[in-house]
């Protein structure tokens, strides 16, 4: 017997945009009681990246939603464990491969069993593992406790991944397999520990089959996005389209049509239950923020073409090395390519969506400067020269 098709909800493009903003924590009063950990649980994944201009990307994510949370507070929220009486301390997060290398709520450990199994079954790897090295690394962690790759004798000898030592190859493979876990970074270095020691016993299992793992991740991605296409939902945790197709009917997400979207979409029913209202955030966004990390979605929702140019040769860059989109009033109104010189935040290049964007971009710059302990803002280049003076005046007013 074939079940009757579900009714489809029609959304305007503006409705979809507001639903997405609220789902990502940019519309309405932020949950300050939940703090950084609340942001992590709400988003389900916070991407890590080596680039640090104003701050590292995983620090910029809660800043964009909560405001000027001290950077040490951010780090402690991710990596500090909570004592649990006589039991071992309980971590709040772990690092694993999701959208990319991401910080994930520790409660999501079981959901990635499908990926750990896939890695264990992988027949070919890009780098060789010397005989006996894997067992030696596991034995060393068992004996000595949590260690960095340097302490394991496996630090990179150069910046190239193919020059990893045997110990580094072994511990990274153990991380993928789930025998080893990273629940802490120390000076940006992963601290590796045995999963059996670091992950709470009630979560340390691979009992969920692949279908259930995928169903849960699709449901969580839909909740974090608010509304999204099949490609949007798949991209959130880097699933395949066919994996989404196999479980989306049982995920709890509901089909919707969105004005101007050429593809079918699904929404979190809780996001449809109440109209999205409240105060919009004005802020600089990390290029790795989950609001904008998928280019096609960003263009569809905001009409904004976003590309990280850090890996583009300098002469070919259009907006700058680490151009950060500026969010204001629920729209992306410009870009800033920042740097720091002592106590001065330098806007090496500013792109503005017309004169109406000047106050918002100035506000975002001043607030970001204050967060990273800068007392001044200097603008070097504005894409529209006629807006340079109005931007300078607004900065002077806000800094006074």
Protein backbone atom coordinates (compact mmCIF):
# COMPACT_ATOMS: atom_id res chain seq x y z
CA UNK A 1 0.00 0.00 0.00
CA UNK A 2 1.42 3.38 -1.04
CA UNK A 3 1.18 6.12 1.56
CA UNK A 4 -0.42 9.39 0.55
CA UNK A 5 2.07 12.13 -0.35
CA UNK A 6 2.69 14.73 2.29
CA UNK A 7 1.26 18.19 1.65
CA UNK A 8 3.91 20.70 0.61
CA UNK A 9 4.33 24.10 2.25
CA UNK A 10 5.01 27.12 0.04
CA UNK A 11 7.57 29.61 1.34
CA UNK A 12 8.53 32.98 -0.03
CA UNK A 13 12.22 33.64 -0.61
CA UNK A 14 12.16 36.09 2.32
CA UNK A 15 10.55 33.49 4.59
CA UNK A 16 13.23 30.95 3.69
CA UNK A 17 15.98 33.46 4.35
CA UNK A 18 14.60 34.36 7.78
CA UNK A 19 14.11 30.69 8.67
CA UNK A 20 17.73 29.99 7.72
CA UNK A 21 19.00 32.96 9.74
CA UNK A 22 17.07 31.91 12.83
CA UNK A 23 18.18 28.29 12.50
CA UNK A 24 21.80 29.46 12.36
CA UNK A 25 21.45 31.74 15.39
CA UNK A 26 21.42 35.14 13.65
CA UNK A 27 17.80 36.17 14.15
CA UNK A 28 16.28 36.68 17.58
CA UNK A 29 17.91 37.06 20.96
CA UNK A 30 20.95 34.78 21.31
CA UNK A 31 20.84 32.07 23.96
CA UNK A 32 23.49 33.52 26.24
CA UNK A 33 22.76 30.96 28.96
CA UNK A 34 23.85 28.20 26.59
CA UNK A 35 26.92 30.18 25.61
CA UNK A 36 29.52 28.74 23.26
CA UNK A 37 28.49 25.17 24.00
CA UNK A 38 24.91 26.06 23.19
CA UNK A 39 26.03 27.46 19.83
CA UNK A 40 27.93 24.24 19.11
CA UNK A 41 24.95 22.05 19.99
CA UNK A 42 22.64 24.29 17.95
CA UNK A 43 24.83 24.20 14.85
CA UNK A 44 25.91 20.58 15.23
CA UNK A 45 29.32 21.29 13.69
CA UNK A 46 31.87 24.12 13.87
CA UNK A 47 34.54 24.01 11.18
CA UNK A 48 38.22 24.26 12.07
CA UNK A 49 40.81 25.93 9.88
CA UNK A 50 44.46 26.90 10.24
CA UNK A 51 44.04 30.48 9.01
CA UNK A 52 44.09 33.08 11.77
CA UNK A 53 43.61 36.74 10.86
CA UNK A 54 41.38 38.33 13.50
CA UNK A 55 41.04 34.95 15.20
CA UNK A 56 40.65 31.35 14.14
CA UNK A 57 37.41 30.40 12.47
CA UNK A 58 36.09 28.28 15.36
CA UNK A 59 36.42 31.38 17.57
CA UNK A 60 34.67 33.61 15.03
CA UNK A 61 31.61 31.34 14.91
CA UNK A 62 30.36 32.00 18.48
CA UNK A 63 31.54 35.62 18.31
CA UNK A 64 29.29 36.23 15.31
CA UNK A 65 26.26 34.94 17.22
CA UNK A 66 26.94 35.94 20.82
CA UNK A 67 29.12 39.02 20.52
CA UNK A 68 32.39 39.65 22.33
CA UNK A 69 32.89 36.34 24.14
CA UNK A 70 36.52 36.28 25.40
CA UNK A 71 38.63 34.04 23.19
CA UNK A 72 39.87 32.00 26.15
CA UNK A 73 36.26 31.42 27.17
CA UNK A 74 35.58 30.09 23.66
CA UNK A 75 38.49 27.66 23.80
CA UNK A 76 37.60 26.50 27.29
CA UNK A 77 34.00 25.93 26.27
CA UNK A 78 35.03 23.62 23.47
CA UNK A 79 37.82 21.67 25.12
CA UNK A 80 37.40 21.80 28.92
CA UNK A 81 35.80 18.71 30.40
CA UNK A 82 33.15 18.70 33.12
CA UNK A 83 33.98 16.62 36.19
CA UNK A 84 31.38 13.95 36.82
CA UNK A 85 31.80 13.11 40.48
CA UNK A 86 33.82 9.97 40.95
CA UNK A 87 33.50 9.13 37.25
CA UNK A 88 35.98 10.30 34.60
CA UNK A 89 35.57 13.88 33.42
CA UNK A 90 33.12 14.23 30.54
CA UNK A 91 34.17 16.09 27.39
CA UNK A 92 31.77 18.45 25.66
CA UNK A 93 33.14 18.03 22.16
CA UNK A 94 35.35 15.98 19.90
CA UNK A 95 36.99 16.63 16.56
CA UNK A 96 36.15 14.56 13.52
CA UNK A 97 35.52 14.69 9.78
CA UNK A 98 32.08 16.18 9.16
CA UNK A 99 31.64 19.11 6.74
CA UNK A 100 35.44 19.25 7.01
CA UNK A 101 37.57 18.91 10.13
CA UNK A 102 34.98 20.05 12.68
CA UNK A 103 34.34 20.39 16.38
CA UNK A 104 31.25 18.28 17.11
CA UNK A 105 29.10 17.89 20.23
CA UNK A 106 30.23 14.73 22.02
CA UNK A 107 26.64 13.44 21.86
CA UNK A 108 27.11 13.03 18.11
CA UNK A 109 29.86 10.40 18.46
CA UNK A 110 27.46 7.49 17.74
CA UNK A 111 26.14 9.20 14.60
CA UNK A 112 29.49 8.94 12.84
CA UNK A 113 29.78 5.17 13.22
CA UNK A 114 28.94 4.83 9.51
CA UNK A 115 31.97 6.95 8.58
CA UNK A 116 34.29 5.14 10.96
CA UNK A 117 33.21 1.81 9.46
CA UNK A 118 33.79 3.19 5.95
CA UNK A 119 37.31 4.26 6.87
CA UNK A 120 38.08 0.86 8.41
CA UNK A 121 36.93 -0.83 5.20
CA UNK A 122 38.88 1.53 2.94
CA UNK A 123 41.24 -0.51 0.75
CA UNK A 124 43.66 2.23 -0.34
CA UNK A 125 45.30 5.19 1.39
CA UNK A 126 47.44 8.03 0.11
CA UNK A 127 50.35 7.31 2.40
CA UNK A 128 51.96 4.11 3.59
CA UNK A 129 51.80 2.86 7.16
CA UNK A 130 55.03 1.17 8.27
CA UNK A 131 54.62 -2.27 9.80
CA UNK A 132 54.07 -2.22 13.55
CA UNK A 133 53.69 1.57 13.79
CA UNK A 134 49.93 1.56 14.37
CA UNK A 135 50.16 -0.88 17.28
CA UNK A 136 53.09 1.07 18.73
CA UNK A 137 51.12 4.34 18.71
CA UNK A 138 48.12 2.72 20.40
CA UNK A 139 50.40 1.16 23.02
CA UNK A 140 52.10 4.51 23.68
CA UNK A 141 48.77 6.28 24.18
CA UNK A 142 47.61 3.50 26.46
CA UNK A 143 50.76 3.76 28.58
CA UNK A 144 51.43 7.51 28.61
CA UNK A 145 47.95 9.02 28.27
CA UNK A 146 46.90 11.83 25.90
CA UNK A 147 49.71 13.01 23.58
CA UNK A 148 50.26 15.40 20.69
CA UNK A 149 51.76 14.16 17.44
CA UNK A 150 55.08 15.73 18.47
CA UNK A 151 55.05 13.77 21.72
CA UNK A 152 54.25 10.62 19.75
CA UNK A 153 57.30 11.29 17.60
CA UNK A 154 55.10 11.90 14.61
CA UNK A 155 55.14 15.61 13.90
CA UNK A 156 55.22 16.75 10.30
CA UNK A 157 58.74 17.32 9.04
CA UNK A 158 57.49 19.86 6.51
CA UNK A 159 54.20 21.52 5.73
CA UNK A 160 53.39 18.88 3.13
CA UNK A 161 50.95 16.15 4.18
CA UNK A 162 52.86 13.51 2.24
CA UNK A 163 55.87 14.01 4.47
CA UNK A 164 54.12 12.79 7.62
CA UNK A 165 56.17 10.40 9.72
CA UNK A 166 54.94 6.86 10.31
CA UNK A 167 53.62 7.75 13.77
CA UNK A 168 51.62 10.70 12.38
CA UNK A 169 50.13 8.50 9.65
CA UNK A 170 49.24 5.87 12.26
CA UNK A 171 47.56 8.21 14.74
CA UNK A 172 45.57 10.00 12.03
CA UNK A 173 44.34 6.67 10.71
CA UNK A 174 43.43 5.60 14.23
CA UNK A 175 41.48 8.87 14.53
CA UNK A 176 39.53 8.06 11.37
CA UNK A 177 38.85 4.53 12.60
CA UNK A 178 37.57 5.82 15.93
CA UNK A 179 40.12 3.98 18.05
CA UNK A 180 41.70 7.34 18.87
CA UNK A 181 39.91 10.62 19.44
CA UNK A 182 40.80 14.30 19.74
CA UNK A 183 38.87 16.04 22.53
CA UNK A 184 41.40 18.83 23.02
CA UNK A 185 43.72 21.07 21.08
CA UNK A 186 46.84 22.43 22.71
CA UNK A 187 48.49 25.36 20.94
CA UNK A 188 46.55 24.33 17.82
CA UNK A 189 47.97 20.81 18.01
CA UNK A 190 45.58 17.91 18.29
CA UNK A 191 45.83 16.02 21.55
CA UNK A 192 45.15 12.35 20.87
CA UNK A 193 43.69 9.93 23.37
CA UNK A 194 42.16 6.48 23.26
CA UNK A 195 38.47 6.75 22.51
CA UNK A 196 37.71 4.12 25.13
CA UNK A 197 39.19 6.44 27.74
CA UNK A 198 37.96 9.82 26.49
CA UNK A 199 34.45 9.22 25.15
CA UNK A 200 31.75 8.63 27.80
CA UNK A 201 30.80 4.97 28.05
CA UNK A 202 27.14 5.65 27.28
CA UNK A 203 28.19 7.09 23.91
CA UNK A 204 31.17 4.85 23.10
CA UNK A 205 29.56 2.44 20.70
CA UNK A 206 29.03 1.81 17.02
CA UNK A 207 25.66 0.15 17.52
CA UNK A 208 23.76 2.40 15.09
CA UNK A 209 23.60 0.92 11.60
CA UNK A 210 24.44 3.10 8.61
CA UNK A 211 20.80 3.91 7.87
CA UNK A 212 20.14 5.16 11.40
CA UNK A 213 23.35 7.22 11.43
CA UNK A 214 22.36 8.87 8.18
CA UNK A 215 18.77 9.45 9.29
CA UNK A 216 19.92 11.24 12.42
CA UNK A 217 22.51 13.36 10.60
CA UNK A 218 20.02 14.37 7.92
CA UNK A 219 17.51 15.36 10.60
CA UNK A 220 20.12 17.37 12.48
CA UNK A 221 21.34 19.06 9.31
CA UNK A 222 17.77 20.05 8.48
CA UNK A 223 17.32 21.52 11.95
CA UNK A 224 20.58 23.48 11.71
CA UNK A 225 19.73 24.80 8.25
CA UNK A 226 16.04 25.45 8.93
CA UNK A 227 15.27 24.86 5.27
CA UNK A 228 17.43 23.41 2.52
CA UNK A 229 17.65 21.49 -0.71
CA UNK A 230 18.90 17.93 -0.97
CA UNK A 231 22.36 19.31 -1.83
CA UNK A 232 22.31 21.72 1.14
CA UNK A 233 21.42 18.92 3.55
CA UNK A 234 24.00 16.54 2.09
CA UNK A 235 26.74 19.16 2.22
CA UNK A 236 26.29 19.93 5.93
CA UNK A 237 28.00 16.70 7.03
CA UNK A 238 29.44 15.81 3.60
CA UNK A 239 26.98 13.03 2.84
CA UNK A 240 26.26 11.71 -0.64
CA UNK A 241 23.04 12.69 -2.34
CA UNK A 242 21.89 9.10 -2.51
CA UNK A 243 22.50 8.71 1.24
CA UNK A 244 20.16 11.64 1.86
CA UNK A 245 17.59 10.21 -0.53
CA UNK A 246 17.58 6.90 1.32
CA UNK A 247 16.56 8.38 4.67
CA UNK A 248 14.97 11.79 4.17
CA UNK A 249 11.42 10.41 4.17
CA UNK A 250 12.01 9.10 7.70
CA UNK A 251 14.02 12.07 8.97
CA UNK A 252 11.09 14.12 10.24
CA UNK A 253 11.82 16.91 7.75
CA UNK A 254 8.88 18.07 5.64
CA UNK A 255 8.82 18.96 1.92
CA UNK A 256 8.52 22.62 1.01
CA UNK A 257 8.73 24.73 -2.11
CA UNK A 258 10.62 27.99 -1.98
CA UNK A 259 10.04 30.93 -4.28
CA UNK A 260 12.90 31.18 -6.75
CA UNK A 261 14.46 27.83 -5.83
CA UNK A 262 14.62 25.47 -8.77
CA UNK A 263 15.11 22.37 -6.63
CA UNK A 264 12.82 20.68 -4.12
CA UNK A 265 13.48 21.52 -0.48
CA UNK A 266 12.83 20.23 3.02
CA UNK A 267 12.34 22.10 6.27
CA UNK A 268 12.45 21.45 9.98
CA UNK A 269 8.77 21.40 11.05
CA UNK A 270 9.68 23.27 14.25
CA UNK A 271 11.09 26.07 12.08
CA UNK A 272 7.74 26.33 10.28
CA UNK A 273 5.69 26.33 13.46
CA UNK A 274 6.38 29.95 14.43
CA UNK A 275 7.22 32.93 12.21
CA UNK A 276 10.90 33.93 12.51
CA UNK A 277 11.05 37.32 14.21
CA UNK A 278 13.49 39.26 16.33
CA UNK A 279 16.64 41.32 16.21
CA UNK A 280 19.12 40.71 13.40
CA UNK A 281 22.83 40.40 14.17
CA UNK A 282 25.30 42.79 12.57
CA UNK A 283 28.67 41.10 12.36
CA UNK A 284 31.65 39.95 10.34
CA UNK A 285 31.38 36.29 9.32
CA UNK A 286 34.15 33.76 8.97
CA UNK A 287 34.29 32.44 5.40
CA UNK A 288 33.96 29.02 7.09
CA UNK A 289 30.76 29.93 8.94
CA UNK A 290 28.03 27.37 8.34
CA UNK A 291 25.68 30.18 7.28
CA UNK A 292 27.82 30.73 4.15
CA UNK A 293 30.12 27.72 3.78
CA UNK A 294 28.15 26.33 0.81
CA UNK A 295 28.50 28.75 -2.10
CA UNK A 296 25.45 27.72 -4.12
CA UNK A 297 23.20 28.04 -1.06
CA UNK A 298 24.66 31.44 -0.19
CA UNK A 299 23.96 32.70 -3.70
CA UNK A 300 20.44 31.27 -3.66
CA UNK A 301 19.46 32.70 -0.26
CA UNK A 302 21.35 35.99 -0.21
CA UNK A 303 22.16 36.72 -3.85
CA UNK A 304 25.76 36.94 -2.69
CA UNK A 305 28.70 35.26 -4.42
CA UNK A 306 31.16 34.16 -1.76
CA UNK A 307 34.56 32.56 -2.35
CA UNK A 308 37.53 32.14 -0.06
CA UNK A 309 40.54 33.56 -1.90
CA UNK A 310 43.27 32.59 0.54
CA UNK A 311 44.43 29.89 -1.86
CA UNK A 312 44.04 32.06 -4.97
CA UNK A 313 47.29 33.67 -6.26
CA UNK A 314 47.44 37.23 -4.95
CA UNK A 315 47.24 38.95 -8.38
CA UNK A 316 44.00 37.07 -9.10
CA UNK A 317 42.19 37.92 -5.86
CA UNK A 318 39.13 40.10 -6.16
CA UNK A 319 38.09 40.71 -2.55
CA UNK A 320 41.20 39.75 -0.57
CA UNK A 321 42.99 36.95 1.26
CA UNK A 322 40.38 36.32 3.99
CA UNK A 323 37.41 38.41 2.90
CA UNK A 324 34.76 38.19 5.60
CA UNK A 325 31.12 38.75 4.57
CA UNK A 326 29.28 41.41 6.57
CA UNK A 327 25.84 40.39 7.83
CA UNK A 328 23.36 43.14 8.70
CA UNK A 329 19.59 43.29 8.71
CA UNK A 330 19.43 39.69 7.60
CA UNK A 331 21.39 40.37 4.42
CA UNK A 332 25.00 40.19 3.31
CA UNK A 333 25.90 43.83 2.65
CA UNK A 334 29.62 43.77 1.98
CA UNK A 335 33.01 42.22 2.63
CA UNK A 336 36.05 43.12 4.68
CA UNK A 337 39.53 41.66 4.23
CA UNK A 338 41.05 42.25 7.69
CA UNK A 339 44.51 42.25 9.23
CA UNK A 340 46.01 43.42 12.51
CA UNK A 341 48.91 45.76 13.12
CA UNK A 342 49.50 46.08 16.85
CA UNK A 343 46.35 47.60 18.35
CA UNK A 344 44.94 48.57 14.94
CA UNK A 345 42.47 46.53 12.94
CA UNK A 346 43.33 47.11 9.30
CA UNK A 347 40.62 46.75 6.67
CA UNK A 348 42.89 46.07 3.72
CA UNK A 349 39.97 46.00 1.35
CA UNK A 350 36.29 46.84 1.89
CA UNK A 351 33.51 46.01 -0.54
CA UNK A 352 30.18 47.73 0.08
CA UNK A 353 26.71 47.08 -1.29
CA UNK A 354 26.04 50.78 -1.79
CA UNK A 355 25.98 53.72 0.63
CA UNK A 356 23.29 52.11 2.77
CA UNK A 357 25.82 49.50 3.87
CA UNK A 358 28.27 52.04 5.33
CA UNK A 359 26.86 52.24 8.90
CA UNK A 360 26.58 48.46 9.23
CA UNK A 361 30.08 47.77 7.93
CA UNK A 362 31.52 50.43 10.23
CA UNK A 363 29.67 48.93 13.21
CA UNK A 364 30.91 45.44 12.37
CA UNK A 365 34.50 46.69 12.08
CA UNK A 366 34.45 48.58 15.38
CA UNK A 367 32.87 45.71 17.29
CA UNK A 368 35.35 43.20 15.85
CA UNK A 369 38.25 45.53 16.69
CA UNK A 370 37.11 45.78 20.30
CA UNK A 371 36.77 41.99 20.55
CA UNK A 372 40.38 41.41 19.49
CA UNK A 373 41.64 44.23 21.74
CA UNK A 374 42.28 46.78 19.00
CA UNK A 375 41.65 50.43 19.74
CA UNK A 376 41.71 51.80 16.21
CA UNK A 377 40.48 50.87 12.72
CA UNK A 378 42.27 51.82 9.51
CA UNK A 379 40.77 51.38 6.06
CA UNK A 380 43.23 50.97 3.22
CA UNK A 381 41.02 50.43 0.20
CA UNK A 382 37.29 50.76 -0.59
CA UNK A 383 35.99 49.27 -3.82
CA UNK A 384 33.77 52.33 -4.38
CA UNK A 385 36.08 55.35 -3.82
CA UNK A 386 33.13 57.70 -3.25
CA UNK A 387 32.19 55.68 -0.13
CA UNK A 388 35.63 55.89 1.48
CA UNK A 389 34.98 59.27 3.15
CA UNK A 390 31.51 58.33 4.51
CA UNK A 391 32.95 55.10 5.92
CA UNK A 392 35.85 56.98 7.53
CA UNK A 393 33.47 59.49 9.12
CA UNK A 394 31.27 56.73 10.52
CA UNK A 395 34.30 54.94 11.96
CA UNK A 396 35.48 58.14 13.65
CA UNK A 397 32.03 58.64 15.14
CA UNK A 398 31.85 55.10 16.51
CA UNK A 399 35.42 55.14 17.86
CA UNK A 400 35.04 58.51 19.58
